[in-house]
Amino acid sequence: MFEIGKSYTIYEIDGEGLGFHSATVLDWQPPLLKVSHPNGGYAVHNTASQYFHRAELNERVEQGKFDVESLLA
């Protein structure tokens, strides 16, 4: 499901609702997902937890380019 080295947006439910951050996958041992933490270091997410909502691959970042016209549309 997750590819090491790829960037994902991680969505989790916290005390204030749905939060998210972008991170790069460091390791994937289901159901544990180890990612780089936006503030440095790393974080481990339990993808089977009721607080883990979803993760989306950051495809534009992975492609290394942006389609400016689609961003402006």
PDB file of N, CA and C in Angstrom:
ATOM      1  N   MET A   1       0.815  -1.189   0.000  1.00  0.00           N
ATOM      2  CA  MET A   1       0.000   0.000   0.000  1.00  0.00           C
ATOM      3  C   MET A   1       0.864   1.259   0.000  1.00  0.00           C
ATOM      4  N   PHE A   2       1.910   1.293   0.809  1.00  0.00           N
ATOM      5  CA  PHE A   2       2.802   2.450   0.873  1.00  0.00           C
ATOM      6  C   PHE A   2       4.146   2.093   0.253  1.00  0.00           C
ATOM      7  N   GLU A   3       4.769   3.078  -0.398  1.00  0.00           N
ATOM      8  CA  GLU A   3       6.078   2.860  -0.999  1.00  0.00           C
ATOM      9  C   GLU A   3       7.116   3.685  -0.257  1.00  0.00           C
ATOM     10  N   ILE A   4       8.174   3.022   0.178  1.00  0.00           N
ATOM     11  CA  ILE A   4       9.257   3.698   0.884  1.00  0.00           C
ATOM     12  C   ILE A   4       9.884   4.729  -0.039  1.00  0.00           C
ATOM     13  N   GLY A   5      10.114   5.932   0.504  1.00  0.00           N
ATOM     14  CA  GLY A   5      10.720   7.013  -0.247  1.00  0.00           C
ATOM     15  C   GLY A   5       9.716   7.940  -0.908  1.00  0.00           C
ATOM     16  N   LYS A   6       8.452   7.545  -0.955  1.00  0.00           N
ATOM     17  CA  LYS A   6       7.423   8.390  -1.569  1.00  0.00           C
ATOM     18  C   LYS A   6       6.809   9.321  -0.530  1.00  0.00           C
ATOM     19  N   SER A   7       6.312  10.462  -1.010  1.00  0.00           N
ATOM     20  CA  SER A   7       5.699  11.467  -0.136  1.00  0.00           C
ATOM     21  C   SER A   7       4.175  11.306  -0.129  1.00  0.00           C
ATOM     22  N   TYR A   8       3.593  11.342   1.061  1.00  0.00           N
ATOM     23  CA  TYR A   8       2.152  11.195   1.239  1.00  0.00           C
ATOM     24  C   TYR A   8       1.631  12.310   2.138  1.00  0.00           C
ATOM     25  N   THR A   9       0.364  12.648   1.960  1.00  0.00           N
ATOM     26  CA  THR A   9      -0.326  13.498   2.920  1.00  0.00           C
ATOM     27  C   THR A   9      -1.074  12.551   3.847  1.00  0.00           C
ATOM     28  N   ILE A  10      -0.781  12.648   5.143  1.00  0.00           N
ATOM     29  CA  ILE A  10      -1.358  11.781   6.162  1.00  0.00           C
ATOM     30  C   ILE A  10      -2.488  12.539   6.863  1.00  0.00           C
ATOM     31  N   TYR A  11      -3.670  11.951   6.917  1.00  0.00           N
ATOM     32  CA  TYR A  11      -4.828  12.549   7.586  1.00  0.00           C
ATOM     33  C   TYR A  11      -5.152  11.732   8.821  1.00  0.00           C
ATOM     34  N   GLU A  12      -5.246  12.413   9.975  1.00  0.00           N
ATOM     35  CA  GLU A  12      -5.586  11.751  11.232  1.00  0.00           C
ATOM     36  C   GLU A  12      -6.603  12.579  11.998  1.00  0.00           C
ATOM     37  N   ILE A  13      -7.403  11.901  12.792  1.00  0.00           N
ATOM     38  CA  ILE A  13      -8.369  12.565  13.640  1.00  0.00           C
ATOM     39  C   ILE A  13      -7.685  12.847  14.973  1.00  0.00           C
ATOM     40  N   ASP A  14      -7.746  14.120  15.391  1.00  0.00           N
ATOM     41  CA  ASP A  14      -7.170  14.488  16.686  1.00  0.00           C
ATOM     42  C   ASP A  14      -8.245  15.191  17.508  1.00  0.00           C
ATOM     43  N   GLY A  15      -7.879  15.767  18.616  1.00  0.00           N
ATOM     44  CA  GLY A  15      -8.827  16.419  19.510  1.00  0.00           C
ATOM     45  C   GLY A  15      -9.554  17.597  18.894  1.00  0.00           C
ATOM     46  N   GLU A  16      -9.011  18.146  17.820  1.00  0.00           N
ATOM     47  CA  GLU A  16      -9.613  19.319  17.181  1.00  0.00           C
ATOM     48  C   GLU A  16     -10.297  18.986  15.862  1.00  0.00           C
ATOM     49  N   GLY A  17     -10.363  17.728  15.487  1.00  0.00           N
ATOM     50  CA  GLY A  17     -10.977  17.334  14.222  1.00  0.00           C
ATOM     51  C   GLY A  17      -9.987  16.593  13.352  1.00  0.00           C
ATOM     52  N   LEU A  18     -10.054  16.848  12.051  1.00  0.00           N
ATOM     53  CA  LEU A  18      -9.190  16.166  11.099  1.00  0.00           C
ATOM     54  C   LEU A  18      -7.964  17.026  10.816  1.00  0.00           C
ATOM     55  N   GLY A  19      -6.796  16.476  11.100  1.00  0.00           N
ATOM     56  CA  GLY A  19      -5.545  17.180  10.835  1.00  0.00           C
ATOM     57  C   GLY A  19      -4.759  16.434   9.774  1.00  0.00           C
ATOM     58  N   PHE A  20      -3.804  17.116   9.169  1.00  0.00           N
ATOM     59  CA  PHE A  20      -3.001  16.465   8.137  1.00  0.00           C
ATOM     60  C   PHE A  20      -1.610  17.071   8.065  1.00  0.00           C
ATOM     61  N   HIS A  21      -0.690  16.309   7.502  1.00  0.00           N
ATOM     62  CA  HIS A  21       0.661  16.783   7.229  1.00  0.00           C
ATOM     63  C   HIS A  21       1.264  15.920   6.137  1.00  0.00           C
ATOM     64  N   SER A  22       2.240  16.455   5.446  1.00  0.00           N
ATOM     65  CA  SER A  22       2.952  15.697   4.419  1.00  0.00           C
ATOM     66  C   SER A  22       4.180  15.058   5.036  1.00  0.00           C
ATOM     67  N   ALA A  23       4.493  13.853   4.577  1.00  0.00           N
ATOM     68  CA  ALA A  23       5.633  13.130   5.117  1.00  0.00           C
ATOM     69  C   ALA A  23       6.133  12.132   4.086  1.00  0.00           C
ATOM     70  N   THR A  24       7.389  11.758   4.223  1.00  0.00           N
ATOM     71  CA  THR A  24       7.993  10.749   3.361  1.00  0.00           C
ATOM     72  C   THR A  24       8.058   9.433   4.117  1.00  0.00           C
ATOM     73  N   VAL A  25       7.669   8.351   3.451  1.00  0.00           N
ATOM     74  CA  VAL A  25       7.658   7.029   4.085  1.00  0.00           C
ATOM     75  C   VAL A  25       9.091   6.541   4.275  1.00  0.00           C
ATOM     76  N   LEU A  26       9.417   6.185   5.521  1.00  0.00           N
ATOM     77  CA  LEU A  26      10.730   5.638   5.857  1.00  0.00           C
ATOM     78  C   LEU A  26      10.682   4.123   5.965  1.00  0.00           C
ATOM     79  N   ASP A  27       9.538   3.581   6.435  1.00  0.00           N
ATOM     80  CA  ASP A  27       9.380   2.137   6.588  1.00  0.00           C
ATOM     81  C   ASP A  27       7.899   1.798   6.637  1.00  0.00           C
ATOM     82  N   TRP A  28       7.541   0.615   6.161  1.00  0.00           N
ATOM     83  CA  TRP A  28       6.153   0.164   6.149  1.00  0.00           C
ATOM     84  C   TRP A  28       6.120  -1.294   6.551  1.00  0.00           C
ATOM     85  N   GLN A  29       5.708  -1.532   7.805  1.00  0.00           N
ATOM     86  CA  GLN A  29       5.529  -2.868   8.352  1.00  0.00           C
ATOM     87  C   GLN A  29       4.085  -2.928   8.846  1.00  0.00           C
ATOM     88  N   PRO A  30       3.135  -3.312   7.981  1.00  0.00           N
ATOM     89  CA  PRO A  30       1.706  -3.234   8.316  1.00  0.00           C
ATOM     90  C   PRO A  30       1.392  -3.772   9.704  1.00  0.00           C
ATOM     91  N   PRO A  31       0.613  -3.039  10.486  1.00  0.00           N
ATOM     92  CA  PRO A  31      -0.069  -1.789  10.168  1.00  0.00           C
ATOM     93  C   PRO A  31       0.727  -0.538  10.542  1.00  0.00           C
ATOM     94  N   LEU A  32       2.028  -0.675  10.845  1.00  0.00           N
ATOM     95  CA  LEU A  32       2.809   0.478  11.295  1.00  0.00           C
ATOM     96  C   LEU A  32       3.508   1.175  10.125  1.00  0.00           C
ATOM     97  N   LEU A  33       3.307   2.479  10.076  1.00  0.00           N
ATOM     98  CA  LEU A  33       3.859   3.313   9.016  1.00  0.00           C
ATOM     99  C   LEU A  33       4.812   4.321   9.650  1.00  0.00           C
ATOM    100  N   LYS A  34       6.096   4.209   9.334  1.00  0.00           N
ATOM    101  CA  LYS A  34       7.108   5.125   9.855  1.00  0.00           C
ATOM    102  C   LYS A  34       7.388   6.181   8.795  1.00  0.00           C
ATOM    103  N   VAL A  35       7.195   7.457   9.166  1.00  0.00           N
ATOM    104  CA  VAL A  35       7.366   8.556   8.216  1.00  0.00           C
ATOM    105  C   VAL A  35       8.246   9.636   8.813  1.00  0.00           C
ATOM    106  N   SER A  36       8.828  10.445   7.920  1.00  0.00           N
ATOM    107  CA  SER A  36       9.562  11.612   8.386  1.00  0.00           C
ATOM    108  C   SER A  36       8.559  12.562   9.024  1.00  0.00           C
ATOM    109  N   HIS A  37       8.949  13.218  10.086  1.00  0.00           N
ATOM    110  CA  HIS A  37       8.058  14.159  10.766  1.00  0.00           C
ATOM    111  C   HIS A  37       8.336  15.555  10.249  1.00  0.00           C
ATOM    112  N   PRO A  38       7.277  16.372  10.027  1.00  0.00           N
ATOM    113  CA  PRO A  38       7.498  17.706   9.478  1.00  0.00           C
ATOM    114  C   PRO A  38       8.421  18.580  10.326  1.00  0.00           C
ATOM    115  N   ASN A  39       8.504  18.315  11.627  1.00  0.00           N
ATOM    116  CA  ASN A  39       9.352  19.119  12.513  1.00  0.00           C
ATOM    117  C   ASN A  39      10.705  18.464  12.769  1.00  0.00           C
ATOM    118  N   GLY A  40      11.046  17.459  11.978  1.00  0.00           N
ATOM    119  CA  GLY A  40      12.306  16.744  12.155  1.00  0.00           C
ATOM    120  C   GLY A  40      12.073  15.405  12.822  1.00  0.00           C
ATOM    121  N   GLY A  41      12.996  14.507  12.665  1.00  0.00           N
ATOM    122  CA  GLY A  41      12.854  13.177  13.241  1.00  0.00           C
ATOM    123  C   GLY A  41      11.872  12.342  12.448  1.00  0.00           C
ATOM    124  N   TYR A  42      11.139  11.473  13.166  1.00  0.00           N
ATOM    125  CA  TYR A  42      10.167  10.622  12.499  1.00  0.00           C
ATOM    126  C   TYR A  42       8.965  10.393  13.408  1.00  0.00           C
ATOM    127  N   ALA A  43       7.900   9.874  12.821  1.00  0.00           N
ATOM    128  CA  ALA A  43       6.688   9.516  13.555  1.00  0.00           C
ATOM    129  C   ALA A  43       6.246   8.145  13.061  1.00  0.00           C
ATOM    130  N   VAL A  44       5.613   7.381  13.944  1.00  0.00           N
ATOM    131  CA  VAL A  44       5.066   6.082  13.577  1.00  0.00           C
ATOM    132  C   VAL A  44       3.555   6.158  13.721  1.00  0.00           C
ATOM    133  N   HIS A  45       2.849   5.827  12.640  1.00  0.00           N
ATOM    134  CA  HIS A  45       1.395   5.848  12.631  1.00  0.00           C
ATOM    135  C   HIS A  45       0.881   4.415  12.569  1.00  0.00           C
ATOM    136  N   ASN A  46      -0.111   4.102  13.378  1.00  0.00           N
ATOM    137  CA  ASN A  46      -0.773   2.810  13.320  1.00  0.00           C
ATOM    138  C   ASN A  46      -1.945   2.960  12.360  1.00  0.00           C
ATOM    139  N   THR A  47      -1.825   2.418  11.164  1.00  0.00           N
ATOM    140  CA  THR A  47      -2.865   2.600  10.152  1.00  0.00           C
ATOM    141  C   THR A  47      -4.144   1.839  10.489  1.00  0.00           C
ATOM    142  N   ALA A  48      -4.105   0.959  11.490  1.00  0.00           N
ATOM    143  CA  ALA A  48      -5.301   0.236  11.931  1.00  0.00           C
ATOM    144  C   ALA A  48      -6.031   0.992  13.042  1.00  0.00           C
ATOM    145  N   SER A  49      -5.453   2.086  13.494  1.00  0.00           N
ATOM    146  CA  SER A  49      -6.037   2.864  14.578  1.00  0.00           C
ATOM    147  C   SER A  49      -7.300   3.586  14.113  1.00  0.00           C
ATOM    148  N   GLN A  50      -8.209   3.807  15.034  1.00  0.00           N
ATOM    149  CA  GLN A  50      -9.426   4.559  14.724  1.00  0.00           C
ATOM    150  C   GLN A  50      -9.119   6.025  14.421  1.00  0.00           C
ATOM    151  N   TYR A  51      -7.933   6.492  14.773  1.00  0.00           N
ATOM    152  CA  TYR A  51      -7.555   7.887  14.547  1.00  0.00           C
ATOM    153  C   TYR A  51      -6.898   8.119  13.185  1.00  0.00           C
ATOM    154  N   PHE A  52      -6.432   7.043  12.562  1.00  0.00           N
ATOM    155  CA  PHE A  52      -5.839   7.161  11.233  1.00  0.00           C
ATOM    156  C   PHE A  52      -6.981   7.218  10.224  1.00  0.00           C
ATOM    157  N   HIS A  53      -7.059   8.308   9.457  1.00  0.00           N
ATOM    158  CA  HIS A  53      -8.176   8.481   8.527  1.00  0.00           C
ATOM    159  C   HIS A  53      -7.824   7.998   7.124  1.00  0.00           C
ATOM    160  N   ARG A  54      -6.737   8.545   6.547  1.00  0.00           N
ATOM    161  CA  ARG A  54      -6.310   8.116   5.216  1.00  0.00           C
ATOM    162  C   ARG A  54      -4.937   8.712   4.903  1.00  0.00           C
ATOM    163  N   ALA A  55      -4.369   8.256   3.807  1.00  0.00           N
ATOM    164  CA  ALA A  55      -3.117   8.810   3.282  1.00  0.00           C
ATOM    165  C   ALA A  55      -3.254   8.910   1.772  1.00  0.00           C
ATOM    166  N   GLU A  56      -2.761  10.010   1.207  1.00  0.00           N
ATOM    167  CA  GLU A  56      -2.819  10.221  -0.235  1.00  0.00           C
ATOM    168  C   GLU A  56      -1.416  10.478  -0.767  1.00  0.00           C
ATOM    169  N   LEU A  57      -1.082   9.799  -1.839  1.00  0.00           N
ATOM    170  CA  LEU A  57       0.214   9.997  -2.483  1.00  0.00           C
ATOM    171  C   LEU A  57       0.278  11.408  -3.040  1.00  0.00           C
ATOM    172  N   ASN A  58       1.376  12.098  -2.778  1.00  0.00           N
ATOM    173  CA  ASN A  58       1.588  13.444  -3.312  1.00  0.00           C
ATOM    174  C   ASN A  58       2.178  13.290  -4.706  1.00  0.00           C
ATOM    175  N   GLU A  59       1.325  13.058  -5.681  1.00  0.00           N
ATOM    176  CA  GLU A  59       1.777  12.738  -7.035  1.00  0.00           C
ATOM    177  C   GLU A  59       2.512  13.881  -7.712  1.00  0.00           C
ATOM    178  N   ARG A  60       2.081  15.108  -7.526  1.00  0.00           N
ATOM    179  CA  ARG A  60       2.753  16.233  -8.183  1.00  0.00           C
ATOM    180  C   ARG A  60       4.180  16.380  -7.677  1.00  0.00           C
ATOM    181  N   VAL A  61       4.374  16.180  -6.395  1.00  0.00           N
ATOM    182  CA  VAL A  61       5.719  16.253  -5.835  1.00  0.00           C
ATOM    183  C   VAL A  61       6.554  15.109  -6.386  1.00  0.00           C
ATOM    184  N   GLU A  62       5.955  13.906  -6.486  1.00  0.00           N
ATOM    185  CA  GLU A  62       6.684  12.749  -6.973  1.00  0.00           C
ATOM    186  C   GLU A  62       7.095  12.920  -8.429  1.00  0.00           C
ATOM    187  N   GLN A  63       6.281  13.586  -9.230  1.00  0.00           N
ATOM    188  CA  GLN A  63       6.602  13.781 -10.628  1.00  0.00           C
ATOM    189  C   GLN A  63       7.676  14.840 -10.816  1.00  0.00           C
ATOM    190  N   GLY A  64       7.902  15.674  -9.803  1.00  0.00           N
ATOM    191  CA  GLY A  64       8.931  16.690  -9.867  1.00  0.00           C
ATOM    192  C   GLY A  64       8.553  17.887 -10.707  1.00  0.00           C
ATOM    193  N   LYS A  65       7.273  18.042 -11.008  1.00  0.00           N
ATOM    194  CA  LYS A  65       6.843  19.193 -11.791  1.00  0.00           C
ATOM    195  C   LYS A  65       5.410  19.553 -11.428  1.00  0.00           C
ATOM    196  N   PHE A  66       5.049  20.773 -11.717  1.00  0.00           N
ATOM    197  CA  PHE A  66       3.708  21.260 -11.433  1.00  0.00           C
ATOM    198  C   PHE A  66       3.071  21.731 -12.718  1.00  0.00           C
ATOM    199  N   ASP A  67       1.793  21.483 -12.855  1.00  0.00           N
ATOM    200  CA  ASP A  67       1.018  21.960 -13.979  1.00  0.00           C
ATOM    201  C   ASP A  67       0.389  23.286 -13.535  1.00  0.00           C
ATOM    202  N   VAL A  68       1.032  24.401 -13.857  1.00  0.00           N
ATOM    203  CA  VAL A  68       0.604  25.718 -13.382  1.00  0.00           C
ATOM    204  C   VAL A  68      -0.803  26.032 -13.831  1.00  0.00           C
ATOM    205  N   GLU A  69      -1.172  25.673 -15.043  1.00  0.00           N
ATOM    206  CA  GLU A  69      -2.512  25.997 -15.548  1.00  0.00           C
ATOM    207  C   GLU A  69      -3.591  25.287 -14.741  1.00  0.00           C
ATOM    208  N   SER A  70      -3.354  24.050 -14.314  1.00  0.00           N
ATOM    209  CA  SER A  70      -4.365  23.343 -13.515  1.00  0.00           C
ATOM    210  C   SER A  70      -4.477  23.955 -12.126  1.00  0.00           C
ATOM    211  N   LEU A  71      -3.387  24.525 -11.610  1.00  0.00           N
ATOM    212  CA  LEU A  71      -3.437  25.178 -10.304  1.00  0.00           C
ATOM    213  C   LEU A  71      -4.227  26.472 -10.367  1.00  0.00           C
ATOM    214  N   LEU A  72      -4.190  27.144 -11.510  1.00  0.00           N
ATOM    215  CA  LEU A  72      -4.879  28.429 -11.663  1.00  0.00           C
ATOM    216  C   LEU A  72      -6.334  28.247 -12.068  1.00  0.00           C
ATOM    217  N   ALA A  73      -6.720  27.076 -12.546  1.00  0.00           N
ATOM    218  CA  ALA A  73      -8.088  26.838 -13.016  1.00  0.00           C
ATOM    219  C   ALA A  73      -9.067  26.765 -11.871  1.00  0.00           C
TER     220      ALA A  73
END
